[in-house]
């Protein structure tokens, strides 16, 4: 009786190890990694949005003639803040594209603002502006890292869904698993990107 129980236990353990070795947990694991990476993307974009009101106020104090540029930044930030992020954004192409476009528009508006700041020596010498500029530069770097991590996580997850043995496990155990949306290159932004000169020089 005891030997029979032990044999059954070993068979179950062996079968579990075999399944694990075949990647049965890969899809949920990669899915969680992609979602965690997306959370970091949202955190960094929020950090950037929080910096903008103070930056606009400081620039406004020295560059009153740049009303159009300041308004563009304020409006782009407002659109980013107002956008409704649905729960299914990672599997909803339209919602994901709308999010990416609004963030891209804000990036472009901020780039133009930083170019404008180069025309005002007193602004460039302002301690408040320099501090905000440094924070913005650091945040943009963190956004780049967060986007890169998300792109890699989604690439791993989507590849798992489309290749063996992940494709088999998806059909048997994870029928609700679908490919996640990923960032695309903003070709227009690249072609029209203004030159930004960060720092004191």
Foldseek 3Di string as FASTA:
>chain_A
DVVVVVVVVVVVVVVVVVCVVQPLCVQVVLVVQLVVLVVLLVVLLVLLLVLLVLLLVLCCVQCVVPVVLSVQLVVLSVLQVPQDQDPQCFVDVVSVVSNLVSSLSNVQSVQVVQVVQVVTLVSLPDPSNLVSLVVNVVSVVSSVVSLVSSQVSLVSNQVLCVDPPSVVSCVVPNVVDDRTDHDDDPPVCVVPPDDGDGDND
